[in-house]
PDB file of all heavy atoms in Angstrom:
ATOM      1  N   ILE A   1     -46.620  35.821 228.744  1.00  0.00           N
ATOM      2  CA  ILE A   1     -47.153  36.934 227.959  1.00  0.00           C
ATOM      3  C   ILE A   1     -47.596  36.417 226.601  1.00  0.00           C
ATOM      4  O   ILE A   1     -46.820  35.789 225.886  1.00  0.00           O
ATOM      5  CB  ILE A   1     -46.096  38.035 227.777  1.00  0.00           C
ATOM      6  CG1 ILE A   1     -45.691  38.583 229.151  1.00  0.00           C
ATOM      7  CG2 ILE A   1     -46.614  39.154 226.887  1.00  0.00           C
ATOM      8  CD1 ILE A   1     -44.547  39.569 229.095  1.00  0.00           C
ATOM      9  N   THR A   2     -48.820  36.648 226.261  1.00  0.00           N
ATOM     10  CA  THR A   2     -49.344  36.208 224.976  1.00  0.00           C
ATOM     11  C   THR A   2     -49.118  37.293 223.939  1.00  0.00           C
ATOM     12  O   THR A   2     -49.366  38.468 224.189  1.00  0.00           O
ATOM     13  CB  THR A   2     -50.855  35.925 225.078  1.00  0.00           C
ATOM     14  OG1 THR A   2     -51.058  34.949 226.093  1.00  0.00           O
ATOM     15  CG2 THR A   2     -51.401  35.420 223.746  1.00  0.00           C
ATOM     16  N   ALA A   3     -48.604  36.911 222.778  1.00  0.00           N
ATOM     17  CA  ALA A   3     -48.356  37.882 221.718  1.00  0.00           C
ATOM     18  C   ALA A   3     -49.658  38.556 221.298  1.00  0.00           C
ATOM     19  O   ALA A   3     -50.677  37.913 221.131  1.00  0.00           O
ATOM     20  CB  ALA A   3     -47.712  37.192 220.522  1.00  0.00           C
ATOM     21  N   SER A   4     -49.623  39.853 221.157  1.00  0.00           N
ATOM     22  CA  SER A   4     -50.799  40.608 220.742  1.00  0.00           C
ATOM     23  C   SER A   4     -50.530  41.237 219.386  1.00  0.00           C
ATOM     24  O   SER A   4     -49.433  41.160 218.848  1.00  0.00           O
ATOM     25  CB  SER A   4     -51.101  41.706 221.772  1.00  0.00           C
ATOM     26  OG  SER A   4     -50.062  42.666 221.774  1.00  0.00           O
ATOM     27  N   ALA A   5     -51.545  41.882 218.849  1.00  0.00           N
ATOM     28  CA  ALA A   5     -51.387  42.535 217.554  1.00  0.00           C
ATOM     29  C   ALA A   5     -50.307  43.599 217.613  1.00  0.00           C
ATOM     30  O   ALA A   5     -49.625  43.869 216.623  1.00  0.00           O
ATOM     31  CB  ALA A   5     -52.720  43.158 217.135  1.00  0.00           C
ATOM     32  N   ALA A   6     -50.131  44.187 218.809  1.00  0.00           N
ATOM     33  CA  ALA A   6     -49.117  45.234 218.966  1.00  0.00           C
ATOM     34  C   ALA A   6     -47.708  44.691 218.842  1.00  0.00           C
ATOM     35  O   ALA A   6     -46.764  45.440 218.632  1.00  0.00           O
ATOM     36  CB  ALA A   6     -49.297  45.925 220.323  1.00  0.00           C
ATOM     37  N   ASP A   7     -47.551  43.363 218.999  1.00  0.00           N
ATOM     38  CA  ASP A   7     -46.228  42.745 218.912  1.00  0.00           C
ATOM     39  C   ASP A   7     -45.883  42.298 217.498  1.00  0.00           C
ATOM     40  O   ASP A   7     -44.772  41.843 217.251  1.00  0.00           O
ATOM     41  CB  ASP A   7     -46.152  41.519 219.827  1.00  0.00           C
ATOM     42  CG  ASP A   7     -46.269  41.898 221.287  1.00  0.00           C
ATOM     43  OD1 ASP A   7     -45.773  42.970 221.652  1.00  0.00           O
ATOM     44  OD2 ASP A   7     -46.857  41.119 222.047  1.00  0.00           O
ATOM     45  N   LYS A   8     -46.822  42.404 216.582  1.00  0.00           N
ATOM     46  CA  LYS A   8     -46.630  41.867 215.244  1.00  0.00           C
ATOM     47  C   LYS A   8     -46.199  42.956 214.266  1.00  0.00           C
ATOM     48  O   LYS A   8     -46.747  44.044 214.242  1.00  0.00           O
ATOM     49  CB  LYS A   8     -47.924  41.201 214.759  1.00  0.00           C
ATOM     50  CG  LYS A   8     -48.324  39.992 215.612  1.00  0.00           C
ATOM     51  CD  LYS A   8     -49.635  39.386 215.138  1.00  0.00           C
ATOM     52  CE  LYS A   8     -50.037  38.201 216.017  1.00  0.00           C
ATOM     53  NZ  LYS A   8     -51.329  37.622 215.590  1.00  0.00           N
ATOM     54  N   THR A   9     -45.211  42.632 213.472  1.00  0.00           N
ATOM     55  CA  THR A   9     -44.706  43.570 212.479  1.00  0.00           C
ATOM     56  C   THR A   9     -45.016  43.069 211.078  1.00  0.00           C
ATOM     57  O   THR A   9     -45.169  41.863 210.855  1.00  0.00           O
ATOM     58  CB  THR A   9     -43.188  43.774 212.637  1.00  0.00           C
ATOM     59  OG1 THR A   9     -42.724  44.648 211.621  1.00  0.00           O
ATOM     60  CG2 THR A   9     -42.446  42.447 212.572  1.00  0.00           C
ATOM     61  N   ALA A  10     -45.096  43.989 210.151  1.00  0.00           N
ATOM     62  CA  ALA A  10     -45.345  43.615 208.758  1.00  0.00           C
ATOM     63  C   ALA A  10     -44.074  43.107 208.085  1.00  0.00           C
ATOM     64  O   ALA A  10     -44.128  42.609 206.956  1.00  0.00           O
ATOM     65  CB  ALA A  10     -45.892  44.822 207.991  1.00  0.00           C
ATOM     66  N   TYR A  11     -42.943  43.201 208.777  1.00  0.00           N
ATOM     67  CA  TYR A  11     -41.659  42.850 208.174  1.00  0.00           C
ATOM     68  C   TYR A  11     -41.203  41.469 208.651  1.00  0.00           C
ATOM     69  O   TYR A  11     -41.021  41.247 209.848  1.00  0.00           O
ATOM     70  CB  TYR A  11     -40.600  43.900 208.526  1.00  0.00           C
ATOM     71  CG  TYR A  11     -40.968  45.285 208.046  1.00  0.00           C
ATOM     72  CD1 TYR A  11     -41.709  46.141 208.862  1.00  0.00           C
ATOM     73  CD2 TYR A  11     -40.613  45.722 206.775  1.00  0.00           C
ATOM     74  CE1 TYR A  11     -42.070  47.413 208.420  1.00  0.00           C
ATOM     75  CE2 TYR A  11     -40.964  46.991 206.331  1.00  0.00           C
ATOM     76  CZ  TYR A  11     -41.698  47.825 207.161  1.00  0.00           C
ATOM     77  OH  TYR A  11     -42.055  49.063 206.719  1.00  0.00           O
ATOM     78  N   ASP A  12     -41.037  40.558 207.720  1.00  0.00           N
ATOM     79  CA  ASP A  12     -40.576  39.210 208.033  1.00  0.00           C
ATOM     80  C   ASP A  12     -39.051  39.216 208.059  1.00  0.00           C
ATOM     81  O   ASP A  12     -38.384  38.815 207.106  1.00  0.00           O
ATOM     82  CB  ASP A  12     -41.097  38.225 206.985  1.00  0.00           C
ATOM     83  CG  ASP A  12     -40.601  36.807 207.208  1.00  0.00           C
ATOM     84  OD1 ASP A  12     -40.111  36.511 208.312  1.00  0.00           O
ATOM     85  OD2 ASP A  12     -40.696  35.992 206.267  1.00  0.00           O
ATOM     86  N   TRP A  13     -38.484  39.661 209.180  1.00  0.00           N
ATOM     87  CA  TRP A  13     -37.037  39.829 209.256  1.00  0.00           C
ATOM     88  C   TRP A  13     -36.295  38.519 209.035  1.00  0.00           C
ATOM     89  O   TRP A  13     -35.333  38.467 208.260  1.00  0.00           O
ATOM     90  CB  TRP A  13     -36.643  40.440 210.607  1.00  0.00           C
ATOM     91  CG  TRP A  13     -37.200  41.801 210.840  1.00  0.00           C
ATOM     92  CD1 TRP A  13     -38.082  42.176 211.812  1.00  0.00           C
ATOM     93  CD2 TRP A  13     -36.929  42.994 210.077  1.00  0.00           C
ATOM     94  NE1 TRP A  13     -38.370  43.517 211.701  1.00  0.00           N
ATOM     95  CE2 TRP A  13     -37.670  44.035 210.651  1.00  0.00           C
ATOM     96  CE3 TRP A  13     -36.129  43.262 208.966  1.00  0.00           C
ATOM     97  CZ2 TRP A  13     -37.635  45.336 210.162  1.00  0.00           C
ATOM     98  CZ3 TRP A  13     -36.093  44.559 208.473  1.00  0.00           C
ATOM     99  CH2 TRP A  13     -36.835  45.576 209.060  1.00  0.00           C
ATOM    100  N   SER A  14     -36.715  37.467 209.723  1.00  0.00           N
ATOM    101  CA  SER A  14     -35.987  36.203 209.597  1.00  0.00           C
ATOM    102  C   SER A  14     -36.038  35.672 208.172  1.00  0.00           C
ATOM    103  O   SER A  14     -35.047  35.149 207.654  1.00  0.00           O
ATOM    104  CB  SER A  14     -36.548  35.164 210.576  1.00  0.00           C
ATOM    105  OG  SER A  14     -37.915  34.896 210.309  1.00  0.00           O
ATOM    106  N   GLY A  15     -37.179  35.832 207.527  1.00  0.00           N
ATOM    107  CA  GLY A  15     -37.306  35.385 206.145  1.00  0.00           C
ATOM    108  C   GLY A  15     -36.458  36.205 205.187  1.00  0.00           C
ATOM    109  O   GLY A  15     -35.757  35.654 204.326  1.00  0.00           O
ATOM    110  N   MET A  16     -36.479  37.514 205.345  1.00  0.00           N
ATOM    111  CA  MET A  16     -35.714  38.381 204.444  1.00  0.00           C
ATOM    112  C   MET A  16     -34.212  38.197 204.626  1.00  0.00           C
ATOM    113  O   MET A  16     -33.451  38.208 203.655  1.00  0.00           O
ATOM    114  CB  MET A  16     -36.102  39.847 204.651  1.00  0.00           C
ATOM    115  CG  MET A  16     -37.504  40.182 204.163  1.00  0.00           C
ATOM    116  SD  MET A  16     -37.888  41.961 204.186  1.00  0.00           S
ATOM    117  CE  MET A  16     -37.891  42.290 205.959  1.00  0.00           C
ATOM    118  N   LEU A  17     -33.781  38.011 205.868  1.00  0.00           N
ATOM    119  CA  LEU A  17     -32.349  37.889 206.122  1.00  0.00           C
ATOM    120  C   LEU A  17     -31.775  36.552 205.651  1.00  0.00           C
ATOM    121  O   LEU A  17     -30.553  36.371 205.626  1.00  0.00           O
ATOM    122  CB  LEU A  17     -32.059  38.098 207.611  1.00  0.00           C
ATOM    123  CG  LEU A  17     -32.242  39.537 208.102  1.00  0.00           C
ATOM    124  CD1 LEU A  17     -32.153  39.613 209.623  1.00  0.00           C
ATOM    125  CD2 LEU A  17     -31.225  40.482 207.462  1.00  0.00           C
ATOM    126  N   LYS A  18     -32.646  35.635 205.250  1.00  0.00           N
ATOM    127  CA  LYS A  18     -32.198  34.362 204.689  1.00  0.00           C
ATOM    128  C   LYS A  18     -32.011  34.435 203.172  1.00  0.00           C
ATOM    129  O   LYS A  18     -31.526  33.483 202.555  1.00  0.00           O
ATOM    130  CB  LYS A  18     -33.200  33.256 205.026  1.00  0.00           C
ATOM    131  CG  LYS A  18     -33.241  32.884 206.498  1.00  0.00           C
ATOM    132  CD  LYS A  18     -34.326  31.853 206.774  1.00  0.00           C
ATOM    133  CE  LYS A  18     -34.418  31.538 208.267  1.00  0.00           C
ATOM    134  NZ  LYS A  18     -35.529  30.599 208.573  1.00  0.00           N
ATOM    135  N   LYS A  19     -32.402  35.548 202.574  1.00  0.00           N
ATOM    136  CA  LYS A  19     -32.318  35.680 201.124  1.00  0.00           C
ATOM    137  C   LYS A  19     -30.866  35.813 200.659  1.00  0.00           C
ATOM    138  O   LYS A  19     -29.982  36.190 201.419  1.00  0.00           O
ATOM    139  CB  LYS A  19     -33.142  36.877 200.662  1.00  0.00           C
ATOM    140  CG  LYS A  19     -34.655  36.680 200.825  1.00  0.00           C
ATOM    141  CD  LYS A  19     -35.428  37.854 200.267  1.00  0.00           C
ATOM    142  CE  LYS A  19     -36.941  37.642 200.403  1.00  0.00           C
ATOM    143  NZ  LYS A  19     -37.414  36.540 199.534  1.00  0.00           N
ATOM    144  N   ASP A  20     -30.655  35.485 199.389  1.00  0.00           N
ATOM    145  CA  ASP A  20     -29.321  35.595 198.801  1.00  0.00           C
ATOM    146  C   ASP A  20     -28.839  37.048 198.825  1.00  0.00           C
ATOM    147  O   ASP A  20     -29.640  37.990 198.795  1.00  0.00           O
ATOM    148  CB  ASP A  20     -29.335  35.098 197.359  1.00  0.00           C
ATOM    149  CG  ASP A  20     -29.599  33.603 197.255  1.00  0.00           C
ATOM    150  OD1 ASP A  20     -29.356  32.892 198.247  1.00  0.00           O
ATOM    151  OD2 ASP A  20     -30.054  33.170 196.177  1.00  0.00           O
ATOM    152  N   ASP A  21     -27.528  37.214 198.833  1.00  0.00           N
ATOM    153  CA  ASP A  21     -26.948  38.556 198.877  1.00  0.00           C
ATOM    154  C   ASP A  21     -27.469  39.450 197.760  1.00  0.00           C
ATOM    155  O   ASP A  21     -27.711  40.644 197.970  1.00  0.00           O
ATOM    156  CB  ASP A  21     -25.417  38.466 198.781  1.00  0.00           C
ATOM    157  CG  ASP A  21     -24.786  37.920 200.051  1.00  0.00           C
ATOM    158  OD1 ASP A  21     -25.473  37.904 201.100  1.00  0.00           O
ATOM    159  OD2 ASP A  21     -23.617  37.520 199.993  1.00  0.00           O
ATOM    160  N   SER A  22     -27.643  38.889 196.571  1.00  0.00           N
ATOM    161  CA  SER A  22     -28.061  39.692 195.424  1.00  0.00           C
ATOM    162  C   SER A  22     -29.421  40.347 195.642  1.00  0.00           C
ATOM    163  O   SER A  22     -29.694  41.415 195.089  1.00  0.00           O
ATOM    164  CB  SER A  22     -28.089  38.836 194.157  1.00  0.00           C
ATOM    165  OG  SER A  22     -29.001  37.754 194.312  1.00  0.00           O
ATOM    166  N   TRP A  23     -30.270  39.729 196.446  1.00  0.00           N
ATOM    167  CA  TRP A  23     -31.608  40.288 196.687  1.00  0.00           C
ATOM    168  C   TRP A  23     -31.514  41.652 197.366  1.00  0.00           C
ATOM    169  O   TRP A  23     -32.393  42.502 197.182  1.00  0.00           O
ATOM    170  CB  TRP A  23     -32.434  39.344 197.560  1.00  0.00           C
ATOM    171  CG  TRP A  23     -33.830  39.853 197.821  1.00  0.00           C
ATOM    172  CD1 TRP A  23     -34.909  39.768 196.981  1.00  0.00           C
ATOM    173  CD2 TRP A  23     -34.294  40.544 198.987  1.00  0.00           C
ATOM    174  NE1 TRP A  23     -36.007  40.360 197.558  1.00  0.00           N
ATOM    175  CE2 TRP A  23     -35.662  40.845 198.787  1.00  0.00           C
ATOM    176  CE3 TRP A  23     -33.686  40.927 200.175  1.00  0.00           C
ATOM    177  CZ2 TRP A  23     -36.421  41.507 199.737  1.00  0.00           C
ATOM    178  CZ3 TRP A  23     -34.442  41.597 201.131  1.00  0.00           C
ATOM    179  CH2 TRP A  23     -35.803  41.882 200.909  1.00  0.00           C
ATOM    180  N   PHE A  24     -30.457  41.879 198.128  1.00  0.00           N
ATOM    181  CA  PHE A  24     -30.341  43.116 198.895  1.00  0.00           C
ATOM    182  C   PHE A  24     -29.980  44.325 198.028  1.00  0.00           C
ATOM    183  O   PHE A  24     -29.851  45.441 198.536  1.00  0.00           O
ATOM    184  CB  PHE A  24     -29.351  42.925 200.043  1.00  0.00           C
ATOM    185  CG  PHE A  24     -29.907  42.028 201.121  1.00  0.00           C
ATOM    186  CD1 PHE A  24     -29.749  40.651 201.046  1.00  0.00           C
ATOM    187  CD2 PHE A  24     -30.641  42.553 202.168  1.00  0.00           C
ATOM    188  CE1 PHE A  24     -30.297  39.818 202.017  1.00  0.00           C
ATOM    189  CE2 PHE A  24     -31.197  41.735 203.146  1.00  0.00           C
ATOM    190  CZ  PHE A  24     -31.025  40.357 203.067  1.00  0.00           C
ATOM    191  N   ASN A  25     -29.868  44.086 196.740  1.00  0.00           N
ATOM    192  CA  ASN A  25     -29.717  45.188 195.788  1.00  0.00           C
ATOM    193  C   ASN A  25     -30.983  45.371 194.956  1.00  0.00           C
ATOM    194  O   ASN A  25     -31.008  46.139 194.002  1.00  0.00           O
ATOM    195  CB  ASN A  25     -28.530  44.922 194.859  1.00  0.00           C
ATOM    196  CG  ASN A  25     -28.108  46.152 194.082  1.00  0.00           C
ATOM    197  OD1 ASN A  25     -28.342  47.291 194.500  1.00  0.00           O
ATOM    198  ND2 ASN A  25     -27.511  45.949 192.920  1.00  0.00           N
ATOM    199  N   SER A  26     -32.046  44.681 195.358  1.00  0.00           N
ATOM    200  CA  SER A  26     -33.304  44.750 194.613  1.00  0.00           C
ATOM    201  C   SER A  26     -34.139  45.936 195.068  1.00  0.00           C
ATOM    202  O   SER A  26     -33.909  46.515 196.144  1.00  0.00           O
ATOM    203  CB  SER A  26     -34.101  43.464 194.814  1.00  0.00           C
ATOM    204  OG  SER A  26     -34.589  43.380 196.148  1.00  0.00           O
ATOM    205  N   SER A  27     -35.140  46.271 194.294  1.00  0.00           N
ATOM    206  CA  SER A  27     -36.027  47.381 194.653  1.00  0.00           C
ATOM    207  C   SER A  27     -36.806  47.067 195.928  1.00  0.00           C
ATOM    208  O   SER A  27     -37.078  47.964 196.738  1.00  0.00           O
ATOM    209  CB  SER A  27     -36.993  47.685 193.505  1.00  0.00           C
ATOM    210  OG  SER A  27     -37.772  46.546 193.181  1.00  0.00           O
ATOM    211  N   ASP A  28     -37.161  45.798 196.113  1.00  0.00           N
ATOM    212  CA  ASP A  28     -37.888  45.410 197.325  1.00  0.00           C
ATOM    213  C   ASP A  28     -37.024  45.631 198.564  1.00  0.00           C
ATOM    214  O   ASP A  28     -37.494  46.163 199.582  1.00  0.00           O
ATOM    215  CB  ASP A  28     -38.305  43.943 197.250  1.00  0.00           C
ATOM    216  CG  ASP A  28     -39.453  43.705 196.282  1.00  0.00           C
ATOM    217  OD1 ASP A  28     -40.143  44.683 195.926  1.00  0.00           O
ATOM    218  OD2 ASP A  28     -39.653  42.536 195.887  1.00  0.00           O
TER     219      ASP A  28
END
């Protein structure tokens, strides 16, 4: 199965979940 546009999200989960704990209290 080839990834399509329907499979793509605007949220970089793996990248965000690697951030420091303090970031999770930020406005972003």
